[in-house]
């Protein structure tokens, strides 16, 4: 399920939209995955 939703989100970002229509530019750069940070001590 997570993989399916991730692919859907990647498609939305690639096309700049989640609805039918022409490809749109994104207003900002987005990253789907978050870089991990060290665990607090």
C-alpha atoms as a PDB file:
ATOM      1  CA  UNK A   1       0.000   0.000   0.000  1.00  0.00           C
ATOM      2  CA  UNK A   2       2.784   2.442   0.895  1.00  0.00           C
ATOM      3  CA  UNK A   3       4.612   1.714  -2.373  1.00  0.00           C
ATOM      4  CA  UNK A   4       1.421   2.314  -4.374  1.00  0.00           C
ATOM      5  CA  UNK A   5       0.777   5.662  -2.678  1.00  0.00           C
ATOM      6  CA  UNK A   6       4.427   6.671  -3.079  1.00  0.00           C
ATOM      7  CA  UNK A   7       4.248   6.005  -6.839  1.00  0.00           C
ATOM      8  CA  UNK A   8       1.039   8.031  -7.036  1.00  0.00           C
ATOM      9  CA  UNK A   9       2.655  10.962  -5.221  1.00  0.00           C
ATOM     10  CA  UNK A  10       5.736  10.743  -7.475  1.00  0.00           C
ATOM     11  CA  UNK A  11       3.429  10.916 -10.504  1.00  0.00           C
ATOM     12  CA  UNK A  12       1.655  13.971  -9.080  1.00  0.00           C
ATOM     13  CA  UNK A  13       4.986  15.695  -8.538  1.00  0.00           C
ATOM     14  CA  UNK A  14       6.272  14.768 -11.998  1.00  0.00           C
ATOM     15  CA  UNK A  15       3.153  16.186 -13.668  1.00  0.00           C
ATOM     16  CA  UNK A  16       2.593  19.088 -11.285  1.00  0.00           C
ATOM     17  CA  UNK A  17      -1.023  18.072 -10.729  1.00  0.00           C
ATOM     18  CA  UNK A  18      -3.324  15.336  -9.483  1.00  0.00           C
ATOM     19  CA  UNK A  19      -6.130  16.026 -11.943  1.00  0.00           C
ATOM     20  CA  UNK A  20      -6.360  15.360 -15.693  1.00  0.00           C
ATOM     21  CA  UNK A  21      -4.839  18.010 -17.917  1.00  0.00           C
ATOM     22  CA  UNK A  22      -1.603  19.411 -19.236  1.00  0.00           C
ATOM     23  CA  UNK A  23       1.604  19.072 -17.238  1.00  0.00           C
ATOM     24  CA  UNK A  24       2.124  22.020 -14.873  1.00  0.00           C
ATOM     25  CA  UNK A  25       5.307  23.347 -13.292  1.00  0.00           C
ATOM     26  CA  UNK A  26       5.605  22.921  -9.532  1.00  0.00           C
ATOM     27  CA  UNK A  27       5.735  26.102  -7.438  1.00  0.00           C
ATOM     28  CA  UNK A  28       8.422  24.686  -5.140  1.00  0.00           C
ATOM     29  CA  UNK A  29      10.893  21.784  -5.130  1.00  0.00           C
ATOM     30  CA  UNK A  30       9.571  18.930  -3.029  1.00  0.00           C
ATOM     31  CA  UNK A  31      11.210  15.765  -1.756  1.00  0.00           C
ATOM     32  CA  UNK A  32       9.028  12.745  -1.079  1.00  0.00           C
ATOM     33  CA  UNK A  33      11.465  11.053   1.257  1.00  0.00           C
ATOM     34  CA  UNK A  34      13.016  12.667   4.274  1.00  0.00           C
ATOM     35  CA  UNK A  35      16.711  12.342   4.978  1.00  0.00           C
ATOM     36  CA  UNK A  36      17.194  10.475   8.206  1.00  0.00           C
ATOM     37  CA  UNK A  37      18.879  12.218  11.069  1.00  0.00           C
ATOM     38  CA  UNK A  38      20.754  10.638  13.954  1.00  0.00           C
ATOM     39  CA  UNK A  39      18.629   9.492  16.883  1.00  0.00           C
ATOM     40  CA  UNK A  40      18.715  11.822  19.872  1.00  0.00           C
ATOM     41  CA  UNK A  41      20.928  10.719  22.746  1.00  0.00           C
END
